[in-house]
Amino acid sequence: MSIGKVYLVGAGPGDPDLITRKGLRLIQEADVIVHDRLIPLELLDEARPDAELIDAGKKPAKHRISQDEINEVLVAHALLGKSVVRLKGGDPFVFGRGSEEAIYCWNAGVPVEVVPGISSSYAVPAYAGVPLTHREVSRSFTVITGHSADDIEYEALATLGGTLVILMGVSTLPDILWRLREAGMDADTPALSIEWGTTAQQKVVEGTVRTLPDLTFDADIQPPAITVIGEVVRLRNEGVRWFDLETQLTQVFKEF
């Protein structure tokens, strides 16, 4: 029996139309699809009727399947000669543990192919009307995980300039923003948080480094959410905002 192959496929940030052509083709051809919680679930409708769908979704502090178990599942099915798609939200290699899965498969003698996806780190801000770079405003951007408020170089981030993007930082956001202020970041720097970005449930809360923690609490912002800090946030209301306005107009027309 020949060995199958594992495809680490990025599903994109939430809007199912943002899947790549190659990613969609592999979903349609796969024998097994091992998928995350935050993928666009509409993509699973593209799977073959006889494909096996395995939910490996993880919630904060509550994992349906551990990472070690996911690794074992990928290898076990590939060793049976199956085509296995590991469908991951965003991009497999941007805080997605895709490299861990690739290394595990490699050590088990299973071939791996990586299919990059559109990362939420830049797509979600774009849907909220925030470009991460803009001439004479921001010439760089930095992406960090807010999973923990520790092990972050706050002094470096506070003085680096450009745009700062924080992924997975809902619960730790007050602590992170406070530490950035303590490290020298201007408390009046524009900032916003985006919940369920690129989807019809998208919710955006705007403020500053000082005010955003209270504003997100009052708005009950929940994961998945992304925070963007920097002067580019102002551009949202200077002509770049588009998606939520479009969604609101669509809803108005439906009501008529």
Foldseek 3Di string as FASTA:
>chain_A
DDFAAEEEAECEAAPNVQGDPVSLVLQQVFQEEEEEPRHHCVSNVSHDPNHHYHYQYDDVVRTPADPVRVLVVRQVVRRVVTYYYYYYYAFCPPPNCNVVSCVSCVVVVHHYHYHTGHHCQQQLCLQQLFHQDDPPWADDEDEDEQCDLPPDPLLCVQPVAGKYKYFPNLVPLLVNLVSNVVSPHDQQWKKKKWASGPDLPIDIDIGGSNCHNVRCVVVVRDPRMMMMTGPSVVSCVVPRHDNNVVSVVVVVVVVD
